[in-house]
Amino acid sequence: MSETGAKNLKIYYSIKEVASMFDVKESLLRYWETQFPHLKPKTTGNKVRQYTEKDIEQIKLIYNLVKVRGFKIASARKMLNENRDGADHSARVMDSLINVRDELLALKKQLDGLT
C-alpha cells in the first residue's frame, strides 16, 4: 500500500487516546464538547466517541486558549467564534515556541553532560 502523503493513516481516535495526547482527563474532553459547539466527535451506536484529525485540531485550539493561555471557557468560546484565524495562528506560534524550548532544553542537557 502506498502512502498518499498523509502523516498518519488512522482515521479515528478514541477519547482515551486524545486525552493522552493532551495529558487531560477524558471527562474534560466531554465537558468541552458541551461548551464548544464546533467540537462534535462522531459517536457510535454505543455512544463511543471517535475523534478525527479535525476534532483534534479543534481540541488543540481549545487547549491552547484554556490551559496554556489561561482563558475562561466563555472567553475561549468567544475568541473561537469571533477570531478563529487569530486563535489558529496563536496556537501554531505557541506550538513552534514549545518545540524550540524543548530543543533548547535537550541541547542544554547535552552540554551539561560534556562538563
PDB file of N, CA and C in Angstrom:
ATOM      1  N   MET A   1       0.850  -1.179   0.000  1.00  0.00           N
ATOM      2  CA  MET A   1       0.000   0.000   0.000  1.00  0.00           C
ATOM      3  C   MET A   1       0.891   1.236   0.000  1.00  0.00           C
ATOM      4  N   SER A   2       0.656   2.155  -0.920  1.00  0.00           N
ATOM      5  CA  SER A   2       1.479   3.350  -0.983  1.00  0.00           C
ATOM      6  C   SER A   2       0.889   4.447  -0.119  1.00  0.00           C
ATOM      7  N   GLU A   3       1.775   5.248   0.450  1.00  0.00           N
ATOM      8  CA  GLU A   3       1.349   6.357   1.298  1.00  0.00           C
ATOM      9  C   GLU A   3       0.907   7.517   0.419  1.00  0.00           C
ATOM     10  N   THR A   4      -0.174   8.166   0.796  1.00  0.00           N
ATOM     11  CA  THR A   4      -0.734   9.246  -0.005  1.00  0.00           C
ATOM     12  C   THR A   4      -0.280  10.615   0.482  1.00  0.00           C
ATOM     13  N   GLY A   5       0.775  10.670   1.235  1.00  0.00           N
ATOM     14  CA  GLY A   5       1.270  11.946   1.732  1.00  0.00           C
ATOM     15  C   GLY A   5       0.773  12.261   3.127  1.00  0.00           C
ATOM     16  N   ALA A   6      -0.172  11.512   3.609  1.00  0.00           N
ATOM     17  CA  ALA A   6      -0.686  11.749   4.956  1.00  0.00           C
ATOM     18  C   ALA A   6       0.323  11.232   5.963  1.00  0.00           C
ATOM     19  N   LYS A   7       0.497  11.996   7.030  1.00  0.00           N
ATOM     20  CA  LYS A   7       1.468  11.578   8.026  1.00  0.00           C
ATOM     21  C   LYS A   7       0.933  10.462   8.906  1.00  0.00           C
ATOM     22  N   ASN A   8      -0.395  10.320   8.946  1.00  0.00           N
ATOM     23  CA  ASN A   8      -0.987   9.289   9.766  1.00  0.00           C
ATOM     24  C   ASN A   8      -2.180   8.707   9.021  1.00  0.00           C
ATOM     25  N   LEU A   9      -2.251   7.400   8.940  1.00  0.00           N
ATOM     26  CA  LEU A   9      -3.333   6.754   8.214  1.00  0.00           C
ATOM     27  C   LEU A   9      -4.526   6.442   9.106  1.00  0.00           C
ATOM     28  N   LYS A  10      -4.432   6.723  10.383  1.00  0.00           N
ATOM     29  CA  LYS A  10      -5.524   6.449  11.305  1.00  0.00           C
ATOM     30  C   LYS A  10      -6.634   7.479  11.091  1.00  0.00           C
ATOM     31  N   ILE A  11      -7.861   7.015  10.996  1.00  0.00           N
ATOM     32  CA  ILE A  11      -8.996   7.909  10.732  1.00  0.00           C
ATOM     33  C   ILE A  11      -9.627   8.378  12.029  1.00  0.00           C
ATOM     34  N   TYR A  12      -9.816   7.475  12.985  1.00  0.00           N
ATOM     35  CA  TYR A  12     -10.484   7.818  14.243  1.00  0.00           C
ATOM     36  C   TYR A  12      -9.592   7.512  15.437  1.00  0.00           C
ATOM     37  N   TYR A  13      -9.732   8.341  16.467  1.00  0.00           N
ATOM     38  CA  TYR A  13      -9.022   8.163  17.723  1.00  0.00           C
ATOM     39  C   TYR A  13     -10.044   8.046  18.845  1.00  0.00           C
ATOM     40  N   SER A  14      -9.760   7.229  19.828  1.00  0.00           N
ATOM     41  CA  SER A  14     -10.662   7.081  20.971  1.00  0.00           C
ATOM     42  C   SER A  14     -10.472   8.272  21.910  1.00  0.00           C
ATOM     43  N   ILE A  15     -11.418   8.459  22.802  1.00  0.00           N
ATOM     44  CA  ILE A  15     -11.320   9.547  23.765  1.00  0.00           C
ATOM     45  C   ILE A  15     -10.101   9.344  24.670  1.00  0.00           C
ATOM     46  N   LYS A  16      -9.779   8.091  24.954  1.00  0.00           N
ATOM     47  CA  LYS A  16      -8.607   7.792  25.785  1.00  0.00           C
ATOM     48  C   LYS A  16      -7.319   8.232  25.087  1.00  0.00           C
ATOM     49  N   GLU A  17      -7.216   7.958  23.787  1.00  0.00           N
ATOM     50  CA  GLU A  17      -6.031   8.354  23.023  1.00  0.00           C
ATOM     51  C   GLU A  17      -5.904   9.880  22.969  1.00  0.00           C
ATOM     52  N   VAL A  18      -7.021  10.561  22.747  1.00  0.00           N
ATOM     53  CA  VAL A  18      -6.997  12.024  22.639  1.00  0.00           C
ATOM     54  C   VAL A  18      -6.661  12.642  23.994  1.00  0.00           C
ATOM     55  N   ALA A  19      -7.246  12.125  25.057  1.00  0.00           N
ATOM     56  CA  ALA A  19      -6.942  12.629  26.395  1.00  0.00           C
ATOM     57  C   ALA A  19      -5.459  12.461  26.696  1.00  0.00           C
ATOM     58  N   SER A  20      -4.891  11.351  26.276  1.00  0.00           N
ATOM     59  CA  SER A  20      -3.468  11.097  26.482  1.00  0.00           C
ATOM     60  C   SER A  20      -2.602  12.081  25.684  1.00  0.00           C
ATOM     61  N   MET A  21      -3.031  12.415  24.469  1.00  0.00           N
ATOM     62  CA  MET A  21      -2.280  13.363  23.640  1.00  0.00           C
ATOM     63  C   MET A  21      -2.112  14.710  24.337  1.00  0.00           C
ATOM     64  N   PHE A  22      -3.144  15.127  25.062  1.00  0.00           N
ATOM     65  CA  PHE A  22      -3.139  16.446  25.682  1.00  0.00           C
ATOM     66  C   PHE A  22      -2.906  16.391  27.187  1.00  0.00           C
ATOM     67  N   ASP A  23      -2.694  15.194  27.711  1.00  0.00           N
ATOM     68  CA  ASP A  23      -2.476  14.984  29.137  1.00  0.00           C
ATOM     69  C   ASP A  23      -3.605  15.612  29.963  1.00  0.00           C
ATOM     70  N   VAL A  24      -4.841  15.308  29.556  1.00  0.00           N
ATOM     71  CA  VAL A  24      -6.031  15.762  30.278  1.00  0.00           C
ATOM     72  C   VAL A  24      -6.908  14.546  30.553  1.00  0.00           C
ATOM     73  N   LYS A  25      -7.897  14.740  31.407  1.00  0.00           N
ATOM     74  CA  LYS A  25      -8.825  13.655  31.707  1.00  0.00           C
ATOM     75  C   LYS A  25      -9.900  13.577  30.626  1.00  0.00           C
ATOM     76  N   GLU A  26     -10.409  12.388  30.439  1.00  0.00           N
ATOM     77  CA  GLU A  26     -11.470  12.180  29.451  1.00  0.00           C
ATOM     78  C   GLU A  26     -12.695  13.022  29.782  1.00  0.00           C
ATOM     79  N   SER A  27     -12.961  13.195  31.065  1.00  0.00           N
ATOM     80  CA  SER A  27     -14.126  13.987  31.474  1.00  0.00           C
ATOM     81  C   SER A  27     -13.991  15.443  31.018  1.00  0.00           C
ATOM     82  N   LEU A  28     -12.774  15.962  30.952  1.00  0.00           N
ATOM     83  CA  LEU A  28     -12.571  17.324  30.480  1.00  0.00           C
ATOM     84  C   LEU A  28     -12.940  17.438  29.001  1.00  0.00           C
ATOM     85  N   LEU A  29     -12.573  16.451  28.219  1.00  0.00           N
ATOM     86  CA  LEU A  29     -12.942  16.460  26.801  1.00  0.00           C
ATOM     87  C   LEU A  29     -14.457  16.404  26.642  1.00  0.00           C
ATOM     88  N   ARG A  30     -15.116  15.579  27.449  1.00  0.00           N
ATOM     89  CA  ARG A  30     -16.578  15.518  27.380  1.00  0.00           C
ATOM     90  C   ARG A  30     -17.195  16.853  27.777  1.00  0.00           C
ATOM     91  N   TYR A  31     -16.624  17.505  28.785  1.00  0.00           N
ATOM     92  CA  TYR A  31     -17.114  18.817  29.213  1.00  0.00           C
ATOM     93  C   TYR A  31     -16.931  19.853  28.097  1.00  0.00           C
ATOM     94  N   TRP A  32     -15.756  19.851  27.467  1.00  0.00           N
ATOM     95  CA  TRP A  32     -15.516  20.801  26.380  1.00  0.00           C
ATOM     96  C   TRP A  32     -16.511  20.613  25.248  1.00  0.00           C
ATOM     97  N   GLU A  33     -16.939  19.380  25.005  1.00  0.00           N
ATOM     98  CA  GLU A  33     -17.945  19.131  23.964  1.00  0.00           C
ATOM     99  C   GLU A  33     -19.236  19.880  24.268  1.00  0.00           C
ATOM    100  N   THR A  34     -19.577  20.022  25.549  1.00  0.00           N
ATOM    101  CA  THR A  34     -20.799  20.736  25.921  1.00  0.00           C
ATOM    102  C   THR A  34     -20.623  22.243  25.830  1.00  0.00           C
ATOM    103  N   GLN A  35     -19.390  22.720  25.899  1.00  0.00           N
ATOM    104  CA  GLN A  35     -19.127  24.149  25.943  1.00  0.00           C
ATOM    105  C   GLN A  35     -18.739  24.757  24.599  1.00  0.00           C
ATOM    106  N   PHE A  36     -18.223  23.957  23.701  1.00  0.00           N
ATOM    107  CA  PHE A  36     -17.765  24.448  22.406  1.00  0.00           C
ATOM    108  C   PHE A  36     -18.548  23.741  21.296  1.00  0.00           C
ATOM    109  N   PRO A  37     -19.468  24.476  20.655  1.00  0.00           N
ATOM    110  CA  PRO A  37     -20.354  23.843  19.673  1.00  0.00           C
ATOM    111  C   PRO A  37     -19.642  23.226  18.470  1.00  0.00           C
ATOM    112  N   HIS A  38     -18.445  23.689  18.152  1.00  0.00           N
ATOM    113  CA  HIS A  38     -17.729  23.147  16.991  1.00  0.00           C
ATOM    114  C   HIS A  38     -17.070  21.802  17.290  1.00  0.00           C
ATOM    115  N   LEU A  39     -16.981  21.441  18.550  1.00  0.00           N
ATOM    116  CA  LEU A  39     -16.346  20.183  18.931  1.00  0.00           C
ATOM    117  C   LEU A  39     -17.419  19.108  19.059  1.00  0.00           C
ATOM    118  N   LYS A  40     -17.587  18.333  18.005  1.00  0.00           N
ATOM    119  CA  LYS A  40     -18.599  17.280  17.971  1.00  0.00           C
ATOM    120  C   LYS A  40     -18.008  16.020  17.350  1.00  0.00           C
ATOM    121  N   PRO A  41     -17.333  15.190  18.156  1.00  0.00           N
ATOM    122  CA  PRO A  41     -16.802  13.950  17.581  1.00  0.00           C
ATOM    123  C   PRO A  41     -17.945  13.016  17.189  1.00  0.00           C
ATOM    124  N   LYS A  42     -17.651  12.151  16.243  1.00  0.00           N
ATOM    125  CA  LYS A  42     -18.627  11.155  15.809  1.00  0.00           C
ATOM    126  C   LYS A  42     -18.829  10.176  16.963  1.00  0.00           C
ATOM    127  N   THR A  43     -20.058   9.720  17.131  1.00  0.00           N
ATOM    128  CA  THR A  43     -20.314   8.710  18.153  1.00  0.00           C
ATOM    129  C   THR A  43     -20.949   7.493  17.493  1.00  0.00           C
ATOM    130  N   THR A  44     -20.611   6.331  18.012  1.00  0.00           N
ATOM    131  CA  THR A  44     -21.180   5.090  17.501  1.00  0.00           C
ATOM    132  C   THR A  44     -22.507   4.833  18.205  1.00  0.00           C
ATOM    133  N   GLY A  45     -23.167   3.772  17.839  1.00  0.00           N
ATOM    134  CA  GLY A  45     -24.428   3.405  18.473  1.00  0.00           C
ATOM    135  C   GLY A  45     -24.288   3.151  19.958  1.00  0.00           C
ATOM    136  N   ASN A  46     -23.102   2.769  20.383  1.00  0.00           N
ATOM    137  CA  ASN A  46     -22.839   2.513  21.801  1.00  0.00           C
ATOM    138  C   ASN A  46     -22.330   3.748  22.527  1.00  0.00           C
ATOM    139  N   LYS A  47     -22.464   4.920  21.907  1.00  0.00           N
ATOM    140  CA  LYS A  47     -22.034   6.206  22.477  1.00  0.00           C
ATOM    141  C   LYS A  47     -20.511   6.280  22.655  1.00  0.00           C
ATOM    142  N   VAL A  48     -19.762   5.553  21.841  1.00  0.00           N
ATOM    143  CA  VAL A  48     -18.301   5.606  21.867  1.00  0.00           C
ATOM    144  C   VAL A  48     -17.871   6.754  20.959  1.00  0.00           C
ATOM    145  N   ARG A  49     -17.093   7.663  21.509  1.00  0.00           N
ATOM    146  CA  ARG A  49     -16.643   8.824  20.736  1.00  0.00           C
ATOM    147  C   ARG A  49     -15.497   8.434  19.808  1.00  0.00           C
ATOM    148  N   GLN A  50     -15.548   8.967  18.588  1.00  0.00           N
ATOM    149  CA  GLN A  50     -14.490   8.738  17.614  1.00  0.00           C
ATOM    150  C   GLN A  50     -14.036  10.104  17.107  1.00  0.00           C
ATOM    151  N   TYR A  51     -12.823  10.488  17.479  1.00  0.00           N
ATOM    152  CA  TYR A  51     -12.278  11.793  17.125  1.00  0.00           C
ATOM    153  C   TYR A  51     -11.488  11.707  15.823  1.00  0.00           C
ATOM    154  N   THR A  52     -11.697  12.685  14.944  1.00  0.00           N
ATOM    155  CA  THR A  52     -10.939  12.787  13.697  1.00  0.00           C
ATOM    156  C   THR A  52      -9.799  13.780  13.894  1.00  0.00           C
ATOM    157  N   GLU A  53      -8.946  13.891  12.881  1.00  0.00           N
ATOM    158  CA  GLU A  53      -7.866  14.888  12.926  1.00  0.00           C
ATOM    159  C   GLU A  53      -8.442  16.299  13.087  1.00  0.00           C
ATOM    160  N   LYS A  54      -9.566  16.560  12.440  1.00  0.00           N
ATOM    161  CA  LYS A  54     -10.217  17.874  12.552  1.00  0.00           C
ATOM    162  C   LYS A  54     -10.654  18.134  13.991  1.00  0.00           C
ATOM    163  N   ASP A  55     -11.205  17.126  14.654  1.00  0.00           N
ATOM    164  CA  ASP A  55     -11.596  17.265  16.063  1.00  0.00           C
ATOM    165  C   ASP A  55     -10.373  17.539  16.935  1.00  0.00           C
ATOM    166  N   ILE A  56      -9.279  16.856  16.637  1.00  0.00           N
ATOM    167  CA  ILE A  56      -8.058  17.024  17.424  1.00  0.00           C
ATOM    168  C   ILE A  56      -7.494  18.432  17.234  1.00  0.00           C
ATOM    169  N   GLU A  57      -7.584  18.966  16.023  1.00  0.00           N
ATOM    170  CA  GLU A  57      -7.150  20.350  15.793  1.00  0.00           C
ATOM    171  C   GLU A  57      -8.013  21.319  16.595  1.00  0.00           C
ATOM    172  N   GLN A  58      -9.308  21.063  16.665  1.00  0.00           N
ATOM    173  CA  GLN A  58     -10.217  21.888  17.457  1.00  0.00           C
ATOM    174  C   GLN A  58      -9.828  21.821  18.932  1.00  0.00           C
ATOM    175  N   ILE A  59      -9.529  20.634  19.430  1.00  0.00           N
ATOM    176  CA  ILE A  59      -9.127  20.472  20.825  1.00  0.00           C
ATOM    177  C   ILE A  59      -7.815  21.190  21.078  1.00  0.00           C
ATOM    178  N   LYS A  60      -6.906  21.133  20.110  1.00  0.00           N
ATOM    179  CA  LYS A  60      -5.627  21.828  20.253  1.00  0.00           C
ATOM    180  C   LYS A  60      -5.842  23.331  20.450  1.00  0.00           C
ATOM    181  N   LEU A  61      -6.773  23.908  19.697  1.00  0.00           N
ATOM    182  CA  LEU A  61      -7.083  25.330  19.851  1.00  0.00           C
ATOM    183  C   LEU A  61      -7.675  25.617  21.232  1.00  0.00           C
ATOM    184  N   ILE A  62      -8.627  24.789  21.630  1.00  0.00           N
ATOM    185  CA  ILE A  62      -9.260  24.980  22.937  1.00  0.00           C
ATOM    186  C   ILE A  62      -8.222  24.826  24.045  1.00  0.00           C
ATOM    187  N   TYR A  63      -7.394  23.806  23.943  1.00  0.00           N
ATOM    188  CA  TYR A  63      -6.351  23.564  24.944  1.00  0.00           C
ATOM    189  C   TYR A  63      -5.417  24.771  25.045  1.00  0.00           C
ATOM    190  N   ASN A  64      -5.021  25.295  23.899  1.00  0.00           N
ATOM    191  CA  ASN A  64      -4.126  26.452  23.884  1.00  0.00           C
ATOM    192  C   ASN A  64      -4.770  27.644  24.599  1.00  0.00           C
ATOM    193  N   LEU A  65      -6.019  27.892  24.295  1.00  0.00           N
ATOM    194  CA  LEU A  65      -6.691  29.043  24.900  1.00  0.00           C
ATOM    195  C   LEU A  65      -6.938  28.849  26.397  1.00  0.00           C
ATOM    196  N   VAL A  66      -7.427  27.679  26.772  1.00  0.00           N
ATOM    197  CA  VAL A  66      -7.848  27.462  28.157  1.00  0.00           C
ATOM    198  C   VAL A  66      -6.680  27.071  29.064  1.00  0.00           C
ATOM    199  N   LYS A  67      -5.903  26.094  28.657  1.00  0.00           N
ATOM    200  CA  LYS A  67      -4.855  25.561  29.526  1.00  0.00           C
ATOM    201  C   LYS A  67      -3.538  26.340  29.441  1.00  0.00           C
ATOM    202  N   VAL A  68      -3.154  26.750  28.228  1.00  0.00           N
ATOM    203  CA  VAL A  68      -1.863  27.422  28.054  1.00  0.00           C
ATOM    204  C   VAL A  68      -1.983  28.919  28.342  1.00  0.00           C
ATOM    205  N   ARG A  69      -2.990  29.541  27.735  1.00  0.00           N
ATOM    206  CA  ARG A  69      -3.125  30.995  27.867  1.00  0.00           C
ATOM    207  C   ARG A  69      -4.010  31.429  29.024  1.00  0.00           C
ATOM    208  N   GLY A  70      -4.715  30.507  29.652  1.00  0.00           N
ATOM    209  CA  GLY A  70      -5.483  30.809  30.850  1.00  0.00           C
ATOM    210  C   GLY A  70      -6.830  31.480  30.633  1.00  0.00           C
ATOM    211  N   PHE A  71      -7.394  31.358  29.442  1.00  0.00           N
ATOM    212  CA  PHE A  71      -8.708  31.942  29.177  1.00  0.00           C
ATOM    213  C   PHE A  71      -9.778  31.188  29.969  1.00  0.00           C
ATOM    214  N   LYS A  72     -10.814  31.896  30.365  1.00  0.00           N
ATOM    215  CA  LYS A  72     -12.010  31.252  30.911  1.00  0.00           C
ATOM    216  C   LYS A  72     -12.747  30.611  29.735  1.00  0.00           C
ATOM    217  N   ILE A  73     -13.604  29.651  30.022  1.00  0.00           N
ATOM    218  CA  ILE A  73     -14.330  28.937  28.968  1.00  0.00           C
ATOM    219  C   ILE A  73     -15.104  29.910  28.085  1.00  0.00           C
ATOM    220  N   ALA A  74     -15.840  30.840  28.705  1.00  0.00           N
ATOM    221  CA  ALA A  74     -16.651  31.781  27.932  1.00  0.00           C
ATOM    222  C   ALA A  74     -15.778  32.648  27.023  1.00  0.00           C
ATOM    223  N   SER A  75     -14.626  33.076  27.523  1.00  0.00           N
ATOM    224  CA  SER A  75     -13.716  33.896  26.717  1.00  0.00           C
ATOM    225  C   SER A  75     -13.121  33.102  25.570  1.00  0.00           C
ATOM    226  N   ALA A  76     -12.777  31.856  25.828  1.00  0.00           N
ATOM    227  CA  ALA A  76     -12.229  30.998  24.774  1.00  0.00           C
ATOM    228  C   ALA A  76     -13.282  30.750  23.701  1.00  0.00           C
ATOM    229  N   ARG A  77     -14.520  30.497  24.112  1.00  0.00           N
ATOM    230  CA  ARG A  77     -15.601  30.285  23.158  1.00  0.00           C
ATOM    231  C   ARG A  77     -15.810  31.536  22.302  1.00  0.00           C
ATOM    232  N   LYS A  78     -15.784  32.703  22.950  1.00  0.00           N
ATOM    233  CA  LYS A  78     -15.953  33.968  22.230  1.00  0.00           C
ATOM    234  C   LYS A  78     -14.801  34.183  21.242  1.00  0.00           C
ATOM    235  N   MET A  79     -13.589  33.896  21.673  1.00  0.00           N
ATOM    236  CA  MET A  79     -12.418  34.054  20.808  1.00  0.00           C
ATOM    237  C   MET A  79     -12.532  33.162  19.574  1.00  0.00           C
ATOM    238  N   LEU A  80     -12.956  31.915  19.770  1.00  0.00           N
ATOM    239  CA  LEU A  80     -13.100  30.994  18.643  1.00  0.00           C
ATOM    240  C   LEU A  80     -14.216  31.431  17.698  1.00  0.00           C
ATOM    241  N   ASN A  81     -15.277  31.983  18.249  1.00  0.00           N
ATOM    242  CA  ASN A  81     -16.396  32.430  17.417  1.00  0.00           C
ATOM    243  C   ASN A  81     -16.076  33.706  16.644  1.00  0.00           C
ATOM    244  N   GLU A  82     -15.353  34.625  17.272  1.00  0.00           N
ATOM    245  CA  GLU A  82     -15.122  35.938  16.669  1.00  0.00           C
ATOM    246  C   GLU A  82     -13.805  36.052  15.919  1.00  0.00           C
ATOM    247  N   ASN A  83     -12.801  35.317  16.338  1.00  0.00           N
ATOM    248  CA  ASN A  83     -11.472  35.482  15.744  1.00  0.00           C
ATOM    249  C   ASN A  83     -10.773  34.131  15.608  1.00  0.00           C
ATOM    250  N   ARG A  84     -11.394  33.241  14.875  1.00  0.00           N
ATOM    251  CA  ARG A  84     -10.850  31.891  14.718  1.00  0.00           C
ATOM    252  C   ARG A  84      -9.460  31.896  14.074  1.00  0.00           C
ATOM    253  N   ASP A  85      -9.263  32.747  13.063  1.00  0.00           N
ATOM    254  CA  ASP A  85      -7.957  32.816  12.409  1.00  0.00           C
ATOM    255  C   ASP A  85      -6.872  33.241  13.391  1.00  0.00           C
ATOM    256  N   GLY A  86      -7.188  34.196  14.229  1.00  0.00           N
ATOM    257  CA  GLY A  86      -6.233  34.645  15.241  1.00  0.00           C
ATOM    258  C   GLY A  86      -5.911  33.543  16.227  1.00  0.00           C
ATOM    259  N   ALA A  87      -6.922  32.784  16.614  1.00  0.00           N
ATOM    260  CA  ALA A  87      -6.713  31.672  17.541  1.00  0.00           C
ATOM    261  C   ALA A  87      -5.876  30.580  16.886  1.00  0.00           C
ATOM    262  N   ASP A  88      -6.141  30.302  15.605  1.00  0.00           N
ATOM    263  CA  ASP A  88      -5.350  29.310  14.866  1.00  0.00           C
ATOM    264  C   ASP A  88      -3.885  29.732  14.805  1.00  0.00           C
ATOM    265  N   HIS A  89      -3.663  30.982  14.453  1.00  0.00           N
ATOM    266  CA  HIS A  89      -2.293  31.493  14.339  1.00  0.00           C
ATOM    267  C   HIS A  89      -1.593  31.441  15.690  1.00  0.00           C
ATOM    268  N   SER A  90      -2.291  31.842  16.726  1.00  0.00           N
ATOM    269  CA  SER A  90      -1.720  31.833  18.070  1.00  0.00           C
ATOM    270  C   SER A  90      -1.321  30.418  18.488  1.00  0.00           C
ATOM    271  N   ALA A  91      -2.163  29.442  18.171  1.00  0.00           N
ATOM    272  CA  ALA A  91      -1.864  28.056  18.529  1.00  0.00           C
ATOM    273  C   ALA A  91      -0.635  27.548  17.773  1.00  0.00           C
ATOM    274  N   ARG A  92      -0.511  27.917  16.494  1.00  0.00           N
ATOM    275  CA  ARG A  92       0.659  27.498  15.707  1.00  0.00           C
ATOM    276  C   ARG A  92       1.939  28.122  16.262  1.00  0.00           C
ATOM    277  N   VAL A  93       1.865  29.398  16.623  1.00  0.00           N
ATOM    278  CA  VAL A  93       3.030  30.084  17.192  1.00  0.00           C
ATOM    279  C   VAL A  93       3.418  29.425  18.513  1.00  0.00           C
ATOM    280  N   MET A  94       2.422  29.135  19.340  1.00  0.00           N
ATOM    281  CA  MET A  94       2.704  28.503  20.636  1.00  0.00           C
ATOM    282  C   MET A  94       3.341  27.134  20.442  1.00  0.00           C
ATOM    283  N   ASP A  95       2.855  26.348  19.491  1.00  0.00           N
ATOM    284  CA  ASP A  95       3.456  25.043  19.201  1.00  0.00           C
ATOM    285  C   ASP A  95       4.913  25.190  18.786  1.00  0.00           C
ATOM    286  N   SER A  96       5.187  26.169  17.937  1.00  0.00           N
ATOM    287  CA  SER A  96       6.562  26.409  17.485  1.00  0.00           C
ATOM    288  C   SER A  96       7.460  26.786  18.652  1.00  0.00           C
ATOM    289  N   LEU A  97       6.973  27.661  19.505  1.00  0.00           N
ATOM    290  CA  LEU A  97       7.768  28.077  20.663  1.00  0.00           C
ATOM    291  C   LEU A  97       8.042  26.921  21.614  1.00  0.00           C
ATOM    292  N   ILE A  98       7.049  26.087  21.810  1.00  0.00           N
ATOM    293  CA  ILE A  98       7.237  24.924  22.688  1.00  0.00           C
ATOM    294  C   ILE A  98       8.264  23.968  22.089  1.00  0.00           C
ATOM    295  N   ASN A  99       8.221  23.761  20.775  1.00  0.00           N
ATOM    296  CA  ASN A  99       9.203  22.899  20.115  1.00  0.00           C
ATOM    297  C   ASN A  99      10.610  23.466  20.238  1.00  0.00           C
ATOM    298  N   VAL A 100      10.751  24.781  20.063  1.00  0.00           N
ATOM    299  CA  VAL A 100      12.065  25.416  20.188  1.00  0.00           C
ATOM    300  C   VAL A 100      12.570  25.270  21.623  1.00  0.00           C
ATOM    301  N   ARG A 101      11.681  25.493  22.603  1.00  0.00           N
ATOM    302  CA  ARG A 101      12.070  25.349  24.007  1.00  0.00           C
ATOM    303  C   ARG A 101      12.557  23.933  24.282  1.00  0.00           C
ATOM    304  N   ASP A 102      11.816  22.941  23.794  1.00  0.00           N
ATOM    305  CA  ASP A 102      12.196  21.544  24.027  1.00  0.00           C
ATOM    306  C   ASP A 102      13.547  21.224  23.398  1.00  0.00           C
ATOM    307  N   GLU A 103      13.802  21.754  22.195  1.00  0.00           N
ATOM    308  CA  GLU A 103      15.091  21.540  21.542  1.00  0.00           C
ATOM    309  C   GLU A 103      16.215  22.202  22.327  1.00  0.00           C
ATOM    310  N   LEU A 104      15.971  23.405  22.821  1.00  0.00           N
ATOM    311  CA  LEU A 104      16.990  24.106  23.613  1.00  0.00           C
ATOM    312  C   LEU A 104      17.279  23.366  24.914  1.00  0.00           C
ATOM    313  N   LEU A 105      16.235  22.844  25.549  1.00  0.00           N
ATOM    314  CA  LEU A 105      16.454  22.080  26.777  1.00  0.00           C
ATOM    315  C   LEU A 105      17.248  20.808  26.507  1.00  0.00           C
ATOM    316  N   ALA A 106      16.987  20.164  25.374  1.00  0.00           N
ATOM    317  CA  ALA A 106      17.741  18.960  25.011  1.00  0.00           C
ATOM    318  C   ALA A 106      19.208  19.307  24.758  1.00  0.00           C
ATOM    319  N   LEU A 107      19.447  20.421  24.070  1.00  0.00           N
ATOM    320  CA  LEU A 107      20.832  20.870  23.830  1.00  0.00           C
ATOM    321  C   LEU A 107      21.534  21.197  25.141  1.00  0.00           C
ATOM    322  N   LYS A 108      20.852  21.863  26.037  1.00  0.00           N
ATOM    323  CA  LYS A 108      21.429  22.213  27.342  1.00  0.00           C
ATOM    324  C   LYS A 108      21.800  20.955  28.103  1.00  0.00           C
ATOM    325  N   LYS A 109      20.923  19.957  28.043  1.00  0.00           N
ATOM    326  CA  LYS A 109      21.197  18.699  28.727  1.00  0.00           C
ATOM    327  C   LYS A 109      22.451  18.034  28.148  1.00  0.00           C
ATOM    328  N   GLN A 110      22.582  18.086  26.828  1.00  0.00           N
ATOM    329  CA  GLN A 110      23.757  17.507  26.187  1.00  0.00           C
ATOM    330  C   GLN A 110      25.021  18.277  26.583  1.00  0.00           C
ATOM    331  N   LEU A 111      24.928  19.587  26.629  1.00  0.00           N
ATOM    332  CA  LEU A 111      26.087  20.396  27.009  1.00  0.00           C
ATOM    333  C   LEU A 111      26.467  20.182  28.462  1.00  0.00           C
ATOM    334  N   ASP A 112      25.471  20.039  29.332  1.00  0.00           N
ATOM    335  CA  ASP A 112      25.746  19.772  30.742  1.00  0.00           C
ATOM    336  C   ASP A 112      26.452  18.444  30.911  1.00  0.00           C
ATOM    337  N   GLY A 113      26.161  17.489  30.033  1.00  0.00           N
ATOM    338  CA  GLY A 113      26.797  16.184  30.096  1.00  0.00           C
ATOM    339  C   GLY A 113      28.262  16.222  29.678  1.00  0.00           C
ATOM    340  N   LEU A 114      28.662  17.264  28.939  1.00  0.00           N
ATOM    341  CA  LEU A 114      30.052  17.384  28.483  1.00  0.00           C
ATOM    342  C   LEU A 114      30.978  17.901  29.562  1.00  0.00           C
ATOM    343  N   THR A 115      30.439  18.603  30.539  1.00  0.00           N
ATOM    344  CA  THR A 115      31.284  19.185  31.579  1.00  0.00           C
ATOM    345  C   THR A 115      31.504  18.277  32.745  1.00  0.00           C
TER     346      THR A 115
END
